N, C-alpha and C. Protein backbone atom coordinates (compact mmCIF):
# COMPACT_ATOMS: atom_id res chain seq x y z
N MET A 1 31.02 -69.58 -3.81
CA MET A 1 31.64 -70.17 -2.65
C MET A 1 30.76 -71.31 -2.13
N SER A 2 31.40 -72.29 -1.59
CA SER A 2 30.67 -73.39 -0.98
C SER A 2 30.39 -73.04 0.48
N MET A 3 29.58 -73.86 1.12
CA MET A 3 29.28 -73.65 2.53
C MET A 3 30.55 -73.76 3.37
N ASP A 4 31.45 -74.66 2.99
CA ASP A 4 32.72 -74.81 3.71
C ASP A 4 33.56 -73.54 3.58
N ASP A 5 33.59 -72.94 2.37
CA ASP A 5 34.36 -71.71 2.16
C ASP A 5 33.79 -70.58 3.03
N LEU A 6 32.48 -70.50 3.12
CA LEU A 6 31.85 -69.46 3.93
C LEU A 6 32.13 -69.65 5.41
N SER A 7 32.17 -70.88 5.87
CA SER A 7 32.37 -71.13 7.30
C SER A 7 33.78 -70.81 7.76
N VAL A 8 34.76 -70.80 6.84
CA VAL A 8 36.14 -70.49 7.23
C VAL A 8 36.58 -69.11 6.72
N MET A 9 35.62 -68.30 6.28
CA MET A 9 35.92 -66.98 5.76
C MET A 9 36.47 -66.09 6.88
N ASP A 10 37.41 -65.23 6.55
CA ASP A 10 38.02 -64.31 7.51
C ASP A 10 36.94 -63.50 8.21
N GLY A 11 37.00 -63.39 9.54
CA GLY A 11 36.01 -62.67 10.32
C GLY A 11 35.99 -61.18 10.07
N GLY A 12 37.02 -60.62 9.50
CA GLY A 12 37.07 -59.20 9.20
C GLY A 12 36.55 -58.86 7.82
N LYS A 13 36.09 -59.88 7.09
CA LYS A 13 35.57 -59.69 5.73
C LYS A 13 34.08 -59.99 5.70
N CYS A 14 33.40 -59.47 4.69
CA CYS A 14 31.99 -59.78 4.49
C CYS A 14 31.72 -59.82 2.99
N ILE A 15 30.58 -60.34 2.63
CA ILE A 15 30.16 -60.36 1.23
C ILE A 15 29.02 -59.37 1.10
N LEU A 16 29.20 -58.38 0.26
CA LEU A 16 28.16 -57.38 0.04
C LEU A 16 27.41 -57.71 -1.25
N GLN A 17 26.10 -57.61 -1.20
CA GLN A 17 25.28 -57.81 -2.38
C GLN A 17 24.41 -56.58 -2.56
N LEU A 18 24.72 -55.80 -3.56
CA LEU A 18 23.97 -54.58 -3.86
C LEU A 18 23.21 -54.78 -5.16
N ARG A 19 22.10 -54.08 -5.30
CA ARG A 19 21.31 -54.20 -6.51
C ARG A 19 22.10 -53.73 -7.72
N GLY A 20 22.10 -54.54 -8.76
CA GLY A 20 22.76 -54.18 -10.02
C GLY A 20 24.25 -54.47 -10.04
N VAL A 21 24.80 -55.04 -8.97
CA VAL A 21 26.23 -55.33 -8.90
C VAL A 21 26.39 -56.76 -8.41
N ARG A 22 27.36 -57.48 -8.98
CA ARG A 22 27.62 -58.84 -8.51
C ARG A 22 28.13 -58.78 -7.07
N PRO A 23 27.84 -59.80 -6.25
CA PRO A 23 28.33 -59.82 -4.87
C PRO A 23 29.86 -59.71 -4.84
N PHE A 24 30.39 -59.02 -3.81
CA PHE A 24 31.84 -58.85 -3.72
C PHE A 24 32.28 -58.85 -2.27
N PHE A 25 33.58 -59.18 -2.08
CA PHE A 25 34.17 -59.15 -0.74
C PHE A 25 34.46 -57.73 -0.34
N SER A 26 34.34 -57.46 0.96
CA SER A 26 34.67 -56.15 1.48
C SER A 26 35.15 -56.31 2.92
N ASP A 27 35.90 -55.34 3.39
CA ASP A 27 36.27 -55.32 4.80
C ASP A 27 35.06 -54.88 5.61
N LYS A 28 34.90 -55.46 6.80
CA LYS A 28 33.80 -55.03 7.67
C LYS A 28 34.13 -53.65 8.23
N TYR A 29 33.09 -52.86 8.45
CA TYR A 29 33.26 -51.52 9.00
C TYR A 29 33.14 -51.59 10.52
N ASP A 30 34.05 -50.97 11.22
CA ASP A 30 34.02 -50.93 12.67
C ASP A 30 33.09 -49.79 13.09
N ILE A 31 31.87 -50.14 13.56
CA ILE A 31 30.88 -49.10 13.87
C ILE A 31 31.31 -48.22 15.04
N THR A 32 32.23 -48.70 15.86
CA THR A 32 32.68 -47.88 16.99
C THR A 32 33.49 -46.67 16.51
N LYS A 33 33.91 -46.68 15.27
CA LYS A 33 34.68 -45.56 14.72
C LYS A 33 33.77 -44.50 14.08
N HIS A 34 32.47 -44.80 13.95
CA HIS A 34 31.54 -43.86 13.32
C HIS A 34 31.30 -42.69 14.27
N PRO A 35 31.22 -41.45 13.73
CA PRO A 35 31.02 -40.27 14.58
C PRO A 35 29.72 -40.30 15.39
N LYS A 36 28.70 -41.01 14.93
CA LYS A 36 27.42 -41.03 15.65
C LYS A 36 27.19 -42.34 16.40
N TYR A 37 28.26 -43.08 16.64
CA TYR A 37 28.16 -44.35 17.37
C TYR A 37 27.55 -44.16 18.75
N LYS A 38 27.78 -43.02 19.36
CA LYS A 38 27.28 -42.78 20.72
C LYS A 38 25.76 -42.77 20.80
N TYR A 39 25.08 -42.69 19.66
CA TYR A 39 23.62 -42.68 19.64
C TYR A 39 23.01 -44.08 19.51
N LEU A 40 23.85 -45.11 19.36
CA LEU A 40 23.36 -46.48 19.20
C LEU A 40 23.16 -47.15 20.56
N SER A 41 22.29 -48.13 20.59
CA SER A 41 22.08 -48.88 21.83
C SER A 41 23.28 -49.75 22.16
N ASP A 42 24.15 -50.03 21.19
CA ASP A 42 25.39 -50.76 21.48
C ASP A 42 26.29 -49.94 22.39
N PHE A 43 26.24 -48.62 22.24
CA PHE A 43 27.05 -47.72 23.07
C PHE A 43 26.46 -47.56 24.45
N ASP A 44 25.14 -47.32 24.50
CA ASP A 44 24.46 -47.10 25.77
C ASP A 44 23.04 -47.67 25.67
N LYS A 45 22.67 -48.55 26.56
CA LYS A 45 21.37 -49.21 26.51
C LYS A 45 20.20 -48.23 26.61
N LYS A 46 20.42 -47.04 27.16
CA LYS A 46 19.32 -46.07 27.26
C LYS A 46 18.94 -45.52 25.89
N ASN A 47 19.76 -45.77 24.86
CA ASN A 47 19.45 -45.34 23.50
C ASN A 47 18.54 -46.32 22.77
N ALA A 48 18.23 -47.45 23.38
CA ALA A 48 17.38 -48.44 22.73
C ALA A 48 15.96 -47.89 22.59
N PHE A 49 15.34 -48.17 21.46
CA PHE A 49 13.97 -47.72 21.20
C PHE A 49 13.01 -48.74 21.77
N ASP A 50 12.11 -48.31 22.64
CA ASP A 50 11.13 -49.19 23.27
C ASP A 50 9.79 -49.00 22.57
N ILE A 51 9.45 -49.91 21.66
CA ILE A 51 8.23 -49.78 20.87
C ILE A 51 6.99 -49.88 21.75
N GLU A 52 7.03 -50.71 22.79
CA GLU A 52 5.88 -50.84 23.70
C GLU A 52 5.60 -49.52 24.40
N LYS A 53 6.64 -48.87 24.88
CA LYS A 53 6.48 -47.58 25.56
C LYS A 53 5.97 -46.51 24.59
N PHE A 54 6.50 -46.53 23.36
CA PHE A 54 6.10 -45.56 22.35
C PHE A 54 4.62 -45.71 22.00
N LEU A 55 4.16 -46.94 21.84
CA LEU A 55 2.77 -47.17 21.45
C LEU A 55 1.79 -46.99 22.60
N SER A 56 2.27 -47.04 23.84
CA SER A 56 1.36 -46.93 24.97
C SER A 56 1.14 -45.48 25.42
N ASN A 57 1.82 -44.53 24.80
CA ASN A 57 1.63 -43.12 25.18
C ASN A 57 0.21 -42.69 24.87
N LYS A 58 -0.44 -42.14 25.86
CA LYS A 58 -1.81 -41.64 25.70
C LYS A 58 -1.77 -40.12 25.73
N LEU A 59 -2.66 -39.51 24.97
CA LEU A 59 -2.78 -38.06 24.97
C LEU A 59 -3.37 -37.63 26.29
N LYS A 60 -2.70 -36.73 26.98
CA LYS A 60 -3.18 -36.25 28.27
C LYS A 60 -3.63 -34.80 28.10
N LEU A 61 -4.92 -34.57 28.27
CA LEU A 61 -5.48 -33.24 28.11
C LEU A 61 -5.59 -32.56 29.47
N LYS A 62 -5.42 -31.25 29.46
CA LYS A 62 -5.61 -30.45 30.67
C LYS A 62 -7.02 -29.87 30.63
N GLY A 63 -7.50 -29.37 31.75
CA GLY A 63 -8.86 -28.88 31.87
C GLY A 63 -9.23 -27.77 30.91
N ASN A 64 -8.28 -26.91 30.52
CA ASN A 64 -8.61 -25.79 29.64
C ASN A 64 -8.20 -26.02 28.19
N ASP A 65 -7.80 -27.23 27.82
CA ASP A 65 -7.44 -27.54 26.44
C ASP A 65 -8.69 -27.57 25.56
N VAL A 66 -8.57 -27.02 24.35
CA VAL A 66 -9.66 -27.03 23.39
C VAL A 66 -9.32 -28.06 22.34
N TYR A 67 -10.28 -28.91 22.00
CA TYR A 67 -10.04 -29.93 21.00
C TYR A 67 -11.33 -30.25 20.28
N GLU A 68 -11.20 -30.88 19.11
CA GLU A 68 -12.35 -31.31 18.32
C GLU A 68 -12.34 -32.83 18.24
N VAL A 69 -13.52 -33.42 18.22
CA VAL A 69 -13.66 -34.86 18.12
C VAL A 69 -14.23 -35.19 16.74
N TYR A 70 -13.58 -36.10 16.04
CA TYR A 70 -14.04 -36.54 14.73
C TYR A 70 -14.41 -38.02 14.82
N ASP A 71 -15.57 -38.37 14.28
CA ASP A 71 -15.98 -39.77 14.24
C ASP A 71 -15.59 -40.30 12.86
N LEU A 72 -14.52 -41.05 12.80
CA LEU A 72 -14.03 -41.57 11.53
C LEU A 72 -14.64 -42.92 11.18
N SER A 73 -15.48 -43.44 12.04
CA SER A 73 -16.08 -44.74 11.76
C SER A 73 -17.22 -44.64 10.75
N LYS A 74 -17.82 -43.46 10.62
CA LYS A 74 -18.90 -43.26 9.66
C LYS A 74 -18.34 -42.61 8.39
N GLU A 75 -18.84 -43.04 7.25
CA GLU A 75 -18.40 -42.46 5.99
C GLU A 75 -19.03 -41.07 5.86
N GLU A 76 -18.19 -40.09 5.55
CA GLU A 76 -18.70 -38.72 5.44
C GLU A 76 -19.54 -38.57 4.17
N GLU A 77 -20.60 -37.79 4.29
CA GLU A 77 -21.44 -37.51 3.13
C GLU A 77 -20.79 -36.42 2.31
N THR A 78 -20.87 -36.54 0.99
CA THR A 78 -20.31 -35.51 0.12
C THR A 78 -21.38 -34.49 -0.21
N THR A 79 -20.99 -33.23 -0.27
CA THR A 79 -21.94 -32.17 -0.61
C THR A 79 -21.77 -31.71 -2.05
N GLU A 80 -20.88 -32.40 -2.79
CA GLU A 80 -20.68 -32.03 -4.19
C GLU A 80 -21.86 -32.53 -5.01
N PRO A 81 -22.33 -31.70 -5.98
CA PRO A 81 -23.44 -32.15 -6.82
C PRO A 81 -23.00 -33.27 -7.76
N SER A 82 -23.88 -34.22 -7.99
CA SER A 82 -23.56 -35.30 -8.92
C SER A 82 -23.80 -34.83 -10.34
N PRO A 83 -23.18 -35.45 -11.34
CA PRO A 83 -23.37 -35.04 -12.74
C PRO A 83 -24.81 -35.15 -13.20
N SER A 84 -25.63 -35.96 -12.58
CA SER A 84 -27.02 -36.13 -13.00
C SER A 84 -27.93 -35.03 -12.47
N ASP A 85 -27.42 -34.07 -11.67
CA ASP A 85 -28.22 -32.99 -11.12
C ASP A 85 -28.47 -31.89 -12.15
N GLY A 86 -27.90 -32.02 -13.36
CA GLY A 86 -28.14 -31.03 -14.41
C GLY A 86 -27.22 -29.84 -14.32
N GLN A 87 -26.14 -29.92 -13.58
CA GLN A 87 -25.22 -28.78 -13.50
C GLN A 87 -23.96 -29.07 -14.28
C-alpha cells in the first residue's frame, strides 16, 4: 500500500503483522466489549498504574519487627576449597 492508501483506509480496519505471517487486513477489536474492560484505565482513571507511586514505596518497620541486614556492596568471600589445596 502507498501512503495515500493508508491515509484513506477504513477506520474500522487495521493491518496486523505477526511473526512468520505476511501482513493482513483485519477488523479492529472493540475493547469495550472485552469481559475485563472494567480493569483498564480507559474505563476508570483509578485503574491507571502510577509508576512514581510504586517506586516511592518505602519499607516501614514496626518496633518489634525482626530483620537482617545484608551488605551487598562487598563481594562475599567463598569458603569452598580451591583445586590447588590438594583436595
